[in-house]
Amino acid sequence: MSIETEIQSEVESLKTRFSETKSLYREVCALLFFRYGIAPTASKLYQYVRKGSMSAPADALTKFWDELRSKARVEIDHPDLPTELRDTAAAAIAGIWQRAAAVARGELAAVRIEVLGQLDVAKAELAAAQRQATVLGEQLEAARIQIAAATAATGQVRDELEAERRAHAGAIARLQELTRQLTEHHAQQEASRAAFSADLAKAREAVDVANTRADASGHRALLEIDQERQARARADKQLEGLRTQLAQTEARLRDEASAAADGQARLQAKVEALEQANVGLRAAAQADQTELKDAQAQLATSQADSLRNKTEADTLREVLRRLTPAEAPTAPKSSKARRG
């Protein structure tokens, strides 16, 4: 281990024991002078300790030499020492003191020059720091202005965001209301569809019933027409028979009138009887004509009923066609097929 390293280690040990800067510098002076025989200087002291300002080691060094000189004077003034030894020691100490003082003054001047240089540097650094502080202050003021503007903008954005949130909440409420209305509309639509289906089924049933009634009415009308035709045919046949019989009778009477004039009275009576029979036959034929007219009136009534039922069926088919655009025409076709 070198002396510098050993001295530095001792100084570090002294730092742990002496927290006061002046006491630490004093102990380091004693360490250098008494243990290692090195005349302490302000620069060496600051080199080893590096605490406080540059004047602290100079002051500590001055006090150390004053104390050393005071202690040396006491020892020299001891009554047991011979006068020559006392004078020689005093002269030696005075020389040492003078040399130490000269060295200390030189060190102090160097320290002062160094301190002045450091002070100029510090002043320059302080001026630069002040300028930088001014710039930083301006930047800080600009930053504060920007922060204020940003705060205002943030407040505006916050207000806009709050307005947007309120608008969004209103939109959500309107959407919920529209959803509820849509649900109700769907329910109403389903109810309407169910009612429409029920009405459509009823309409189809009514159309089927009307078709059935129309078919039955048409069948009855056809039967009645057929019966009336048969009755008219019978009446026409009876009338034709009567006419034939009348023609035969008239021919026979003419023959009898031309054959026997003498039996005219008898024949006249017979003719009268035949005329009366003819009147009866005519009355019967007239009754048949009346019955035929009644049958024709019934036939017209049946045809009117059939036409009315057909009109109702056509009306129901039209209603069904309007209610069922795609499927309505199937029911009337099936009814016509049944009638055919």
C-alpha atoms as a PDB file:
ATOM      1  CA  MET A   1       0.000   0.000   0.000  1.00  0.00           C
ATOM      2  CA  SER A   2       1.369   3.424  -0.981  1.00  0.00           C
ATOM      3  CA  ILE A   3       1.613   6.380   1.387  1.00  0.00           C
ATOM      4  CA  GLU A   4      -1.102   8.288  -0.492  1.00  0.00           C
ATOM      5  CA  THR A   5      -3.445   5.327  -0.255  1.00  0.00           C
ATOM      6  CA  GLU A   6      -2.622   4.881   3.456  1.00  0.00           C
ATOM      7  CA  ILE A   7      -3.147   8.606   4.126  1.00  0.00           C
ATOM      8  CA  GLN A   8      -6.455   8.531   2.235  1.00  0.00           C
ATOM      9  CA  SER A   9      -7.576   5.504   4.263  1.00  0.00           C
ATOM     10  CA  GLU A  10      -6.670   7.277   7.505  1.00  0.00           C
ATOM     11  CA  VAL A  11      -8.538  10.371   6.395  1.00  0.00           C
ATOM     12  CA  GLU A  12     -11.631   8.278   5.620  1.00  0.00           C
ATOM     13  CA  SER A  13     -11.378   6.803   9.104  1.00  0.00           C
ATOM     14  CA  LEU A  14     -11.169  10.309  10.590  1.00  0.00           C
ATOM     15  CA  LYS A  15     -14.272  11.331   8.593  1.00  0.00           C
ATOM     16  CA  THR A  16     -16.267   8.687  10.419  1.00  0.00           C
ATOM     17  CA  ARG A  17     -15.122  10.026  13.821  1.00  0.00           C
ATOM     18  CA  PHE A  18     -15.234  13.783  13.226  1.00  0.00           C
ATOM     19  CA  SER A  19     -18.347  15.157  11.586  1.00  0.00           C
ATOM     20  CA  GLU A  20     -17.396  18.829  12.054  1.00  0.00           C
ATOM     21  CA  THR A  21     -15.381  20.164   9.107  1.00  0.00           C
ATOM     22  CA  LYS A  22     -12.965  22.293  11.206  1.00  0.00           C
ATOM     23  CA  SER A  23     -12.147  19.456  13.607  1.00  0.00           C
ATOM     24  CA  LEU A  24     -11.657  17.084  10.662  1.00  0.00           C
ATOM     25  CA  TYR A  25      -9.199  19.451   8.946  1.00  0.00           C
ATOM     26  CA  ARG A  26      -7.302  19.920  12.249  1.00  0.00           C
ATOM     27  CA  GLU A  27      -6.962  16.178  12.752  1.00  0.00           C
ATOM     28  CA  VAL A  28      -5.782  15.711   9.160  1.00  0.00           C
ATOM     29  CA  CYS A  29      -3.125  18.420   9.736  1.00  0.00           C
ATOM     30  CA  ALA A  30      -1.873  16.572  12.822  1.00  0.00           C
ATOM     31  CA  LEU A  31      -1.950  13.262  10.911  1.00  0.00           C
ATOM     32  CA  LEU A  32       0.182  14.602   8.073  1.00  0.00           C
ATOM     33  CA  PHE A  33       2.664  16.524  10.255  1.00  0.00           C
ATOM     34  CA  PHE A  34       3.199  14.176  13.210  1.00  0.00           C
ATOM     35  CA  ARG A  35       2.649  10.698  11.681  1.00  0.00           C
ATOM     36  CA  TYR A  36       3.940  11.079   8.159  1.00  0.00           C
ATOM     37  CA  GLY A  37       6.219  14.121   8.576  1.00  0.00           C
ATOM     38  CA  ILE A  38       4.485  15.980   5.769  1.00  0.00           C
ATOM     39  CA  ALA A  39       3.999  19.709   6.112  1.00  0.00           C
ATOM     40  CA  PRO A  40       0.274  20.155   5.537  1.00  0.00           C
ATOM     41  CA  THR A  41      -0.907  22.621   2.928  1.00  0.00           C
ATOM     42  CA  ALA A  42      -4.343  23.923   2.108  1.00  0.00           C
ATOM     43  CA  SER A  43      -4.435  22.183  -1.258  1.00  0.00           C
ATOM     44  CA  LYS A  44      -3.350  18.837   0.226  1.00  0.00           C
ATOM     45  CA  LEU A  45      -5.880  19.146   3.006  1.00  0.00           C
ATOM     46  CA  TYR A  46      -8.693  19.851   0.529  1.00  0.00           C
ATOM     47  CA  GLN A  47      -7.399  17.056  -1.713  1.00  0.00           C
ATOM     48  CA  TYR A  48      -7.747  14.538   1.104  1.00  0.00           C
ATOM     49  CA  VAL A  49     -10.885  15.861   2.843  1.00  0.00           C
ATOM     50  CA  ARG A  50     -12.920  17.605   0.063  1.00  0.00           C
ATOM     51  CA  LYS A  51     -15.418  19.180   2.422  1.00  0.00           C
ATOM     52  CA  GLY A  52     -16.461  22.795   2.886  1.00  0.00           C
ATOM     53  CA  SER A  53     -15.158  25.744   0.880  1.00  0.00           C
ATOM     54  CA  MET A  54     -11.541  26.394  -0.151  1.00  0.00           C
ATOM     55  CA  SER A  55     -11.074  28.763   2.802  1.00  0.00           C
ATOM     56  CA  ALA A  56     -11.871  26.049   5.327  1.00  0.00           C
ATOM     57  CA  PRO A  57      -8.529  24.157   4.935  1.00  0.00           C
ATOM     58  CA  ALA A  58      -6.558  27.454   4.983  1.00  0.00           C
ATOM     59  CA  ASP A  59      -8.216  28.522   8.238  1.00  0.00           C
ATOM     60  CA  ALA A  60      -7.661  25.084   9.755  1.00  0.00           C
ATOM     61  CA  LEU A  61      -4.012  25.140   8.665  1.00  0.00           C
ATOM     62  CA  THR A  62      -3.445  28.607  10.232  1.00  0.00           C
ATOM     63  CA  LYS A  63      -5.011  27.501  13.504  1.00  0.00           C
ATOM     64  CA  PHE A  64      -2.896  24.317  13.443  1.00  0.00           C
ATOM     65  CA  TRP A  65       0.342  26.271  13.103  1.00  0.00           C
ATOM     66  CA  ASP A  66      -0.733  28.725  15.816  1.00  0.00           C
ATOM     67  CA  GLU A  67      -1.450  25.875  18.192  1.00  0.00           C
ATOM     68  CA  LEU A  68       1.781  24.143  17.260  1.00  0.00           C
ATOM     69  CA  ARG A  69       3.765  27.331  17.801  1.00  0.00           C
ATOM     70  CA  SER A  70       2.050  27.942  21.155  1.00  0.00           C
ATOM     71  CA  LYS A  71       2.796  24.424  22.300  1.00  0.00           C
ATOM     72  CA  ALA A  72       6.382  24.646  21.113  1.00  0.00           C
ATOM     73  CA  ARG A  73       6.882  27.929  22.971  1.00  0.00           C
ATOM     74  CA  VAL A  74       5.680  26.378  26.172  1.00  0.00           C
ATOM     75  CA  GLU A  75       8.083  23.500  25.823  1.00  0.00           C
ATOM     76  CA  ILE A  76      10.953  25.860  24.971  1.00  0.00           C
ATOM     77  CA  ASP A  77      10.205  28.019  28.002  1.00  0.00           C
ATOM     78  CA  HIS A  78      10.476  25.026  30.238  1.00  0.00           C
ATOM     79  CA  PRO A  79      12.812  25.914  33.169  1.00  0.00           C
ATOM     80  CA  ASP A  80      14.710  22.651  32.988  1.00  0.00           C
ATOM     81  CA  LEU A  81      16.097  23.306  29.475  1.00  0.00           C
ATOM     82  CA  PRO A  82      19.514  24.882  29.048  1.00  0.00           C
ATOM     83  CA  THR A  83      19.577  28.362  27.649  1.00  0.00           C
ATOM     84  CA  GLU A  84      21.529  27.461  24.474  1.00  0.00           C
ATOM     85  CA  LEU A  85      19.265  24.512  23.715  1.00  0.00           C
ATOM     86  CA  ARG A  86      16.254  26.656  24.352  1.00  0.00           C
ATOM     87  CA  ASP A  87      17.555  29.381  21.987  1.00  0.00           C
ATOM     88  CA  THR A  88      18.534  26.856  19.322  1.00  0.00           C
ATOM     89  CA  ALA A  89      15.162  25.141  19.523  1.00  0.00           C
ATOM     90  CA  ALA A  90      13.388  28.474  19.411  1.00  0.00           C
ATOM     91  CA  ALA A  91      15.382  29.547  16.391  1.00  0.00           C
ATOM     92  CA  ALA A  92      14.695  26.197  14.675  1.00  0.00           C
ATOM     93  CA  ILE A  93      11.025  26.373  15.417  1.00  0.00           C
ATOM     94  CA  ALA A  94      10.952  30.006  14.330  1.00  0.00           C
ATOM     95  CA  GLY A  95      12.599  29.018  11.062  1.00  0.00           C
ATOM     96  CA  ILE A  96      10.184  26.145  10.602  1.00  0.00           C
ATOM     97  CA  TRP A  97       7.380  28.447  11.431  1.00  0.00           C
ATOM     98  CA  GLN A  98       8.524  31.071   9.000  1.00  0.00           C
ATOM     99  CA  ARG A  99       8.982  28.509   6.259  1.00  0.00           C
ATOM    100  CA  ALA A 100       5.605  26.966   7.061  1.00  0.00           C
ATOM    101  CA  ALA A 101       4.000  30.391   7.170  1.00  0.00           C
ATOM    102  CA  ALA A 102       5.603  31.312   3.831  1.00  0.00           C
ATOM    103  CA  VAL A 103       4.425  28.059   2.326  1.00  0.00           C
ATOM    104  CA  ALA A 104       0.993  28.605   3.860  1.00  0.00           C
ATOM    105  CA  ARG A 105       0.840  32.141   2.499  1.00  0.00           C
ATOM    106  CA  GLY A 106       1.870  30.859  -0.942  1.00  0.00           C
ATOM    107  CA  GLU A 107      -0.698  28.109  -0.718  1.00  0.00           C
ATOM    108  CA  LEU A 108      -3.236  30.619   0.499  1.00  0.00           C
ATOM    109  CA  ALA A 109      -2.468  32.946  -2.423  1.00  0.00           C
ATOM    110  CA  ALA A 110      -2.766  30.025  -4.819  1.00  0.00           C
ATOM    111  CA  VAL A 111      -5.939  29.002  -3.100  1.00  0.00           C
ATOM    112  CA  ARG A 112      -7.225  32.553  -3.355  1.00  0.00           C
ATOM    113  CA  ILE A 113      -6.364  32.672  -7.058  1.00  0.00           C
ATOM    114  CA  GLU A 114      -8.024  29.306  -7.540  1.00  0.00           C
ATOM    115  CA  VAL A 115     -10.993  30.414  -5.473  1.00  0.00           C
ATOM    116  CA  LEU A 116     -11.241  33.647  -7.472  1.00  0.00           C
ATOM    117  CA  GLY A 117     -11.107  31.639 -10.703  1.00  0.00           C
ATOM    118  CA  GLN A 118     -13.713  29.297  -9.352  1.00  0.00           C
ATOM    119  CA  LEU A 119     -15.695  32.316  -8.194  1.00  0.00           C
ATOM    120  CA  ASP A 120     -15.578  33.798 -11.708  1.00  0.00           C
ATOM    121  CA  VAL A 121     -16.596  30.470 -13.120  1.00  0.00           C
ATOM    122  CA  ALA A 122     -19.315  30.246 -10.499  1.00  0.00           C
ATOM    123  CA  LYS A 123     -20.451  33.784 -11.372  1.00  0.00           C
ATOM    124  CA  ALA A 124     -20.486  32.885 -15.054  1.00  0.00           C
ATOM    125  CA  GLU A 125     -22.338  29.717 -14.238  1.00  0.00           C
ATOM    126  CA  LEU A 126     -24.690  31.725 -12.015  1.00  0.00           C
ATOM    127  CA  ALA A 127     -25.296  34.232 -14.833  1.00  0.00           C
ATOM    128  CA  ALA A 128     -25.862  31.370 -17.243  1.00  0.00           C
ATOM    129  CA  ALA A 129     -28.090  29.727 -14.675  1.00  0.00           C
ATOM    130  CA  GLN A 130     -29.974  33.004 -14.219  1.00  0.00           C
ATOM    131  CA  ARG A 131     -30.351  33.365 -17.970  1.00  0.00           C
ATOM    132  CA  GLN A 132     -31.452  29.760 -18.132  1.00  0.00           C
ATOM    133  CA  ALA A 133     -33.787  30.421 -15.216  1.00  0.00           C
ATOM    134  CA  THR A 134     -35.165  33.430 -17.111  1.00  0.00           C
ATOM    135  CA  VAL A 135     -35.636  31.294 -20.198  1.00  0.00           C
ATOM    136  CA  LEU A 136     -37.128  28.563 -18.067  1.00  0.00           C
ATOM    137  CA  GLY A 137     -39.376  31.157 -16.417  1.00  0.00           C
ATOM    138  CA  GLU A 138     -40.535  32.349 -19.823  1.00  0.00           C
ATOM    139  CA  GLN A 139     -40.999  28.753 -20.905  1.00  0.00           C
ATOM    140  CA  LEU A 140     -42.776  28.091 -17.621  1.00  0.00           C
ATOM    141  CA  GLU A 141     -45.039  31.096 -18.189  1.00  0.00           C
ATOM    142  CA  ALA A 142     -45.683  29.938 -21.760  1.00  0.00           C
ATOM    143  CA  ALA A 143     -46.312  26.459 -20.411  1.00  0.00           C
ATOM    144  CA  ARG A 144     -48.700  27.918 -17.824  1.00  0.00           C
ATOM    145  CA  ILE A 145     -50.521  29.786 -20.591  1.00  0.00           C
ATOM    146  CA  GLN A 146     -50.627  26.593 -22.630  1.00  0.00           C
ATOM    147  CA  ILE A 147     -51.797  24.693 -19.567  1.00  0.00           C
ATOM    148  CA  ALA A 148     -54.498  27.310 -18.983  1.00  0.00           C
ATOM    149  CA  ALA A 149     -55.534  27.084 -22.637  1.00  0.00           C
ATOM    150  CA  ALA A 150     -55.395  23.306 -22.443  1.00  0.00           C
ATOM    151  CA  THR A 151     -57.432  23.430 -19.225  1.00  0.00           C
ATOM    152  CA  ALA A 152     -59.998  25.660 -20.911  1.00  0.00           C
ATOM    153  CA  ALA A 153     -60.018  23.380 -23.952  1.00  0.00           C
ATOM    154  CA  THR A 154     -60.295  20.388 -21.641  1.00  0.00           C
ATOM    155  CA  GLY A 155     -63.234  22.048 -19.898  1.00  0.00           C
ATOM    156  CA  GLN A 156     -64.861  22.741 -23.250  1.00  0.00           C
ATOM    157  CA  VAL A 157     -64.198  19.176 -24.367  1.00  0.00           C
ATOM    158  CA  ARG A 158     -65.544  17.954 -21.033  1.00  0.00           C
ATOM    159  CA  ASP A 159     -68.681  20.061 -21.531  1.00  0.00           C
ATOM    160  CA  GLU A 160     -69.023  18.784 -25.094  1.00  0.00           C
ATOM    161  CA  LEU A 161     -68.450  15.245 -23.837  1.00  0.00           C
ATOM    162  CA  GLU A 162     -71.081  15.743 -21.160  1.00  0.00           C
ATOM    163  CA  ALA A 163     -73.481  17.129 -23.761  1.00  0.00           C
ATOM    164  CA  GLU A 164     -72.635  14.170 -25.998  1.00  0.00           C
ATOM    165  CA  ARG A 165     -73.246  11.820 -23.077  1.00  0.00           C
ATOM    166  CA  ARG A 166     -76.609  13.449 -22.403  1.00  0.00           C
ATOM    167  CA  ALA A 167     -77.438  13.258 -26.115  1.00  0.00           C
ATOM    168  CA  HIS A 168     -76.318   9.615 -26.130  1.00  0.00           C
ATOM    169  CA  ALA A 169     -78.458   8.918 -23.069  1.00  0.00           C
ATOM    170  CA  GLY A 170     -81.395  10.616 -24.813  1.00  0.00           C
ATOM    171  CA  ALA A 171     -80.722   8.598 -27.955  1.00  0.00           C
ATOM    172  CA  ILE A 172     -80.613   5.405 -25.888  1.00  0.00           C
ATOM    173  CA  ALA A 173     -83.899   6.383 -24.220  1.00  0.00           C
ATOM    174  CA  ARG A 174     -85.474   7.119 -27.607  1.00  0.00           C
ATOM    175  CA  LEU A 175     -84.099   3.837 -28.942  1.00  0.00           C
ATOM    176  CA  GLN A 176     -85.590   1.990 -25.979  1.00  0.00           C
ATOM    177  CA  GLU A 177     -88.926   3.758 -26.547  1.00  0.00           C
ATOM    178  CA  LEU A 178     -88.798   2.917 -30.262  1.00  0.00           C
ATOM    179  CA  THR A 179     -87.897  -0.676 -29.363  1.00  0.00           C
ATOM    180  CA  ARG A 180     -90.869  -0.808 -26.992  1.00  0.00           C
ATOM    181  CA  GLN A 181     -93.151   0.697 -29.636  1.00  0.00           C
ATOM    182  CA  LEU A 182     -91.760  -1.734 -32.210  1.00  0.00           C
ATOM    183  CA  THR A 183     -92.420  -4.614 -29.814  1.00  0.00           C
ATOM    184  CA  GLU A 184     -95.957  -3.377 -29.267  1.00  0.00           C
ATOM    185  CA  HIS A 185     -96.360  -2.929 -33.029  1.00  0.00           C
ATOM    186  CA  HIS A 186     -95.118  -6.465 -33.589  1.00  0.00           C
ATOM    187  CA  ALA A 187     -97.545  -7.713 -30.939  1.00  0.00           C
ATOM    188  CA  GLN A 188    -100.375  -5.744 -32.567  1.00  0.00           C
ATOM    189  CA  GLN A 189     -99.294  -7.047 -35.955  1.00  0.00           C
ATOM    190  CA  GLU A 190     -99.280 -10.596 -34.633  1.00  0.00           C
ATOM    191  CA  ALA A 191    -102.735 -10.013 -33.112  1.00  0.00           C
ATOM    192  CA  SER A 192    -103.915  -8.488 -36.395  1.00  0.00           C
ATOM    193  CA  ARG A 193    -102.409 -11.407 -38.306  1.00  0.00           C
ATOM    194  CA  ALA A 194    -104.141 -13.842 -35.959  1.00  0.00           C
ATOM    195  CA  ALA A 195    -107.422 -11.928 -36.305  1.00  0.00           C
ATOM    196  CA  PHE A 196    -106.924 -11.791 -40.067  1.00  0.00           C
ATOM    197  CA  SER A 197    -106.258 -15.530 -40.139  1.00  0.00           C
ATOM    198  CA  ALA A 198    -109.379 -16.115 -38.068  1.00  0.00           C
ATOM    199  CA  ASP A 199    -111.420 -13.797 -40.305  1.00  0.00           C
ATOM    200  CA  LEU A 200    -109.935 -15.453 -43.351  1.00  0.00           C
ATOM    201  CA  ALA A 201    -110.855 -18.867 -42.022  1.00  0.00           C
ATOM    202  CA  LYS A 202    -114.355 -17.604 -41.243  1.00  0.00           C
ATOM    203  CA  ALA A 203    -114.579 -16.054 -44.702  1.00  0.00           C
ATOM    204  CA  ARG A 204    -113.449 -19.306 -46.268  1.00  0.00           C
ATOM    205  CA  GLU A 205    -116.010 -21.193 -44.212  1.00  0.00           C
ATOM    206  CA  ALA A 206    -118.661 -18.655 -45.221  1.00  0.00           C
ATOM    207  CA  VAL A 207    -117.629 -19.013 -48.862  1.00  0.00           C
ATOM    208  CA  ASP A 208    -117.790 -22.779 -48.545  1.00  0.00           C
ATOM    209  CA  VAL A 209    -121.209 -22.520 -46.911  1.00  0.00           C
ATOM    210  CA  ALA A 210    -122.344 -20.056 -49.588  1.00  0.00           C
ATOM    211  CA  ASN A 211    -120.991 -22.319 -52.304  1.00  0.00           C
ATOM    212  CA  THR A 212    -122.773 -25.252 -50.700  1.00  0.00           C
ATOM    213  CA  ARG A 213    -125.952 -23.237 -50.436  1.00  0.00           C
ATOM    214  CA  ALA A 214    -125.567 -22.029 -54.027  1.00  0.00           C
ATOM    215  CA  ASP A 215    -124.941 -25.571 -55.191  1.00  0.00           C
ATOM    216  CA  ALA A 216    -127.972 -26.790 -53.247  1.00  0.00           C
ATOM    217  CA  SER A 217    -130.101 -23.908 -54.533  1.00  0.00           C
ATOM    218  CA  GLY A 218    -128.939 -24.543 -58.082  1.00  0.00           C
ATOM    219  CA  HIS A 219    -129.678 -28.224 -57.697  1.00  0.00           C
ATOM    220  CA  ARG A 220    -133.125 -27.491 -56.286  1.00  0.00           C
ATOM    221  CA  ALA A 221    -133.742 -24.954 -59.074  1.00  0.00           C
ATOM    222  CA  LEU A 222    -132.684 -27.512 -61.663  1.00  0.00           C
ATOM    223  CA  LEU A 223    -134.982 -30.091 -60.092  1.00  0.00           C
ATOM    224  CA  GLU A 224    -137.868 -27.639 -59.980  1.00  0.00           C
ATOM    225  CA  ILE A 225    -137.205 -26.577 -63.607  1.00  0.00           C
ATOM    226  CA  ASP A 226    -137.106 -30.176 -64.611  1.00  0.00           C
ATOM    227  CA  GLN A 227    -140.371 -30.843 -62.776  1.00  0.00           C
ATOM    228  CA  GLU A 228    -141.961 -27.788 -64.386  1.00  0.00           C
ATOM    229  CA  ARG A 229    -140.756 -28.969 -67.781  1.00  0.00           C
ATOM    230  CA  GLN A 230    -142.262 -32.403 -67.158  1.00  0.00           C
ATOM    231  CA  ALA A 231    -145.532 -30.830 -65.984  1.00  0.00           C
ATOM    232  CA  ARG A 232    -145.639 -28.562 -69.020  1.00  0.00           C
ATOM    233  CA  ALA A 233    -144.867 -31.524 -71.254  1.00  0.00           C
ATOM    234  CA  ARG A 234    -147.746 -33.420 -69.641  1.00  0.00           C
ATOM    235  CA  ALA A 235    -150.047 -30.414 -70.026  1.00  0.00           C
ATOM    236  CA  ASP A 236    -148.983 -29.945 -73.639  1.00  0.00           C
ATOM    237  CA  LYS A 237    -149.544 -33.653 -74.250  1.00  0.00           C
ATOM    238  CA  GLN A 238    -153.014 -33.514 -72.677  1.00  0.00           C
ATOM    239  CA  LEU A 239    -153.832 -30.368 -74.664  1.00  0.00           C
ATOM    240  CA  GLU A 240    -152.626 -31.996 -77.837  1.00  0.00           C
ATOM    241  CA  GLY A 241    -154.722 -35.045 -77.045  1.00  0.00           C
ATOM    242  CA  LEU A 242    -157.734 -32.839 -76.431  1.00  0.00           C
ATOM    243  CA  ARG A 243    -157.113 -31.013 -79.668  1.00  0.00           C
ATOM    244  CA  THR A 244    -156.797 -34.310 -81.517  1.00  0.00           C
ATOM    245  CA  GLN A 245    -159.954 -35.551 -79.853  1.00  0.00           C
ATOM    246  CA  LEU A 246    -161.743 -32.309 -80.714  1.00  0.00           C
ATOM    247  CA  ALA A 247    -160.631 -32.571 -84.336  1.00  0.00           C
ATOM    248  CA  GLN A 248    -161.794 -36.159 -84.478  1.00  0.00           C
ATOM    249  CA  THR A 249    -165.101 -35.199 -82.928  1.00  0.00           C
ATOM    250  CA  GLU A 250    -165.601 -32.307 -85.297  1.00  0.00           C
ATOM    251  CA  ALA A 251    -164.786 -34.578 -88.272  1.00  0.00           C
ATOM    252  CA  ARG A 252    -167.141 -37.181 -87.007  1.00  0.00           C
ATOM    253  CA  LEU A 253    -169.823 -34.553 -86.516  1.00  0.00           C
ATOM    254  CA  ARG A 254    -169.323 -33.217 -89.989  1.00  0.00           C
ATOM    255  CA  ASP A 255    -169.536 -36.715 -91.321  1.00  0.00           C
ATOM    256  CA  GLU A 256    -172.614 -37.378 -89.278  1.00  0.00           C
ATOM    257  CA  ALA A 257    -174.131 -33.999 -90.329  1.00  0.00           C
ATOM    258  CA  SER A 258    -173.506 -34.721 -93.991  1.00  0.00           C
ATOM    259  CA  ALA A 259    -174.652 -38.344 -93.624  1.00  0.00           C
ATOM    260  CA  ALA A 260    -177.895 -37.758 -91.777  1.00  0.00           C
ATOM    261  CA  ALA A 261    -179.724 -34.474 -91.780  1.00  0.00           C
ATOM    262  CA  ASP A 262    -182.526 -35.956 -89.850  1.00  0.00           C
ATOM    263  CA  GLY A 263    -180.474 -36.591 -86.844  1.00  0.00           C
ATOM    264  CA  GLN A 264    -179.407 -32.978 -86.666  1.00  0.00           C
ATOM    265  CA  ALA A 265    -181.305 -32.259 -83.479  1.00  0.00           C
ATOM    266  CA  ARG A 266    -179.905 -35.292 -81.824  1.00  0.00           C
ATOM    267  CA  LEU A 267    -176.525 -34.487 -83.147  1.00  0.00           C
ATOM    268  CA  GLN A 268    -176.964 -30.871 -82.130  1.00  0.00           C
ATOM    269  CA  ALA A 269    -177.663 -32.028 -78.605  1.00  0.00           C
ATOM    270  CA  LYS A 270    -174.663 -34.276 -78.763  1.00  0.00           C
ATOM    271  CA  VAL A 271    -172.643 -31.378 -80.110  1.00  0.00           C
ATOM    272  CA  GLU A 272    -173.790 -29.234 -77.218  1.00  0.00           C
ATOM    273  CA  ALA A 273    -172.803 -31.999 -74.864  1.00  0.00           C
ATOM    274  CA  LEU A 274    -169.494 -32.206 -76.571  1.00  0.00           C
ATOM    275  CA  GLU A 275    -169.185 -28.435 -76.405  1.00  0.00           C
ATOM    276  CA  GLN A 276    -169.808 -28.557 -72.693  1.00  0.00           C
ATOM    277  CA  ALA A 277    -167.190 -31.282 -72.428  1.00  0.00           C
ATOM    278  CA  ASN A 278    -164.913 -29.096 -74.490  1.00  0.00           C
ATOM    279  CA  VAL A 279    -165.583 -26.211 -72.086  1.00  0.00           C
ATOM    280  CA  GLY A 280    -164.600 -28.481 -69.226  1.00  0.00           C
ATOM    281  CA  LEU A 281    -161.531 -29.531 -71.082  1.00  0.00           C
ATOM    282  CA  ARG A 282    -160.721 -25.923 -71.790  1.00  0.00           C
ATOM    283  CA  ALA A 283    -161.205 -25.110 -68.138  1.00  0.00           C
ATOM    284  CA  ALA A 284    -158.870 -27.978 -67.311  1.00  0.00           C
ATOM    285  CA  ALA A 285    -156.421 -26.677 -69.897  1.00  0.00           C
ATOM    286  CA  GLN A 286    -156.799 -23.177 -68.387  1.00  0.00           C
ATOM    287  CA  ALA A 287    -156.096 -24.633 -64.957  1.00  0.00           C
ATOM    288  CA  ASP A 288    -153.098 -26.373 -66.390  1.00  0.00           C
ATOM    289  CA  GLN A 289    -151.977 -23.030 -67.846  1.00  0.00           C
ATOM    290  CA  THR A 290    -152.422 -21.357 -64.429  1.00  0.00           C
ATOM    291  CA  GLU A 291    -150.492 -24.145 -62.760  1.00  0.00           C
ATOM    292  CA  LEU A 292    -147.819 -23.737 -65.409  1.00  0.00           C
ATOM    293  CA  LYS A 293    -147.617 -19.993 -64.713  1.00  0.00           C
ATOM    294  CA  ASP A 294    -147.347 -20.683 -60.969  1.00  0.00           C
ATOM    295  CA  ALA A 295    -144.559 -23.153 -61.683  1.00  0.00           C
ATOM    296  CA  GLN A 296    -142.838 -20.563 -63.873  1.00  0.00           C
ATOM    297  CA  ALA A 297    -143.208 -17.969 -61.081  1.00  0.00           C
ATOM    298  CA  GLN A 298    -141.687 -20.441 -58.612  1.00  0.00           C
ATOM    299  CA  LEU A 299    -138.950 -21.115 -61.138  1.00  0.00           C
ATOM    300  CA  ALA A 300    -138.278 -17.353 -61.446  1.00  0.00           C
ATOM    301  CA  THR A 301    -138.211 -17.081 -57.627  1.00  0.00           C
ATOM    302  CA  SER A 302    -135.797 -20.027 -57.461  1.00  0.00           C
ATOM    303  CA  GLN A 303    -133.668 -18.444 -60.164  1.00  0.00           C
ATOM    304  CA  ALA A 304    -133.688 -15.121 -58.256  1.00  0.00           C
ATOM    305  CA  ASP A 305    -132.660 -16.940 -55.069  1.00  0.00           C
ATOM    306  CA  SER A 306    -129.967 -18.762 -56.995  1.00  0.00           C
ATOM    307  CA  LEU A 307    -128.809 -15.456 -58.516  1.00  0.00           C
ATOM    308  CA  ARG A 308    -128.782 -13.809 -55.075  1.00  0.00           C
ATOM    309  CA  ASN A 309    -126.823 -16.710 -53.594  1.00  0.00           C
ATOM    310  CA  LYS A 310    -124.446 -16.561 -56.543  1.00  0.00           C
ATOM    311  CA  THR A 311    -124.024 -12.780 -56.010  1.00  0.00           C
ATOM    312  CA  GLU A 312    -123.294 -13.380 -52.313  1.00  0.00           C
ATOM    313  CA  ALA A 313    -120.829 -16.083 -53.255  1.00  0.00           C
ATOM    314  CA  ASP A 314    -119.166 -13.775 -55.801  1.00  0.00           C
ATOM    315  CA  THR A 315    -119.019 -11.000 -53.155  1.00  0.00           C
ATOM    316  CA  LEU A 316    -117.466 -13.367 -50.639  1.00  0.00           C
ATOM    317  CA  ARG A 317    -115.008 -14.567 -53.306  1.00  0.00           C
ATOM    318  CA  GLU A 318    -114.023 -10.935 -54.010  1.00  0.00           C
ATOM    319  CA  VAL A 319    -113.569 -10.265 -50.271  1.00  0.00           C
ATOM    320  CA  LEU A 320    -111.563 -13.458 -49.957  1.00  0.00           C
ATOM    321  CA  ARG A 321    -109.491 -12.497 -53.012  1.00  0.00           C
ATOM    322  CA  ARG A 322    -108.733  -9.116 -51.468  1.00  0.00           C
ATOM    323  CA  LEU A 323    -107.899 -10.603 -48.085  1.00  0.00           C
ATOM    324  CA  THR A 324    -105.781 -13.388 -49.599  1.00  0.00           C
ATOM    325  CA  PRO A 325    -103.912 -12.046 -52.678  1.00  0.00           C
ATOM    326  CA  ALA A 326    -102.175 -15.314 -53.518  1.00  0.00           C
ATOM    327  CA  GLU A 327    -104.491 -18.128 -52.296  1.00  0.00           C
ATOM    328  CA  ALA A 328    -108.028 -16.746 -52.577  1.00  0.00           C
ATOM    329  CA  PRO A 329    -108.896 -17.950 -56.135  1.00  0.00           C
ATOM    330  CA  THR A 330    -108.538 -21.640 -55.199  1.00  0.00           C
ATOM    331  CA  ALA A 331    -111.825 -21.836 -53.226  1.00  0.00           C
ATOM    332  CA  PRO A 332    -114.187 -20.626 -56.007  1.00  0.00           C
ATOM    333  CA  LYS A 333    -112.575 -22.959 -58.549  1.00  0.00           C
ATOM    334  CA  SER A 334    -113.221 -25.928 -56.271  1.00  0.00           C
ATOM    335  CA  SER A 335    -116.874 -24.901 -55.835  1.00  0.00           C
ATOM    336  CA  LYS A 336    -117.335 -24.512 -59.599  1.00  0.00           C
ATOM    337  CA  ALA A 337    -115.771 -27.912 -60.103  1.00  0.00           C
ATOM    338  CA  ARG A 338    -118.337 -29.377 -57.697  1.00  0.00           C
ATOM    339  CA  ARG A 339    -121.208 -27.630 -59.545  1.00  0.00           C
ATOM    340  CA  GLY A 340    -119.855 -28.883 -62.895  1.00  0.00           C
END
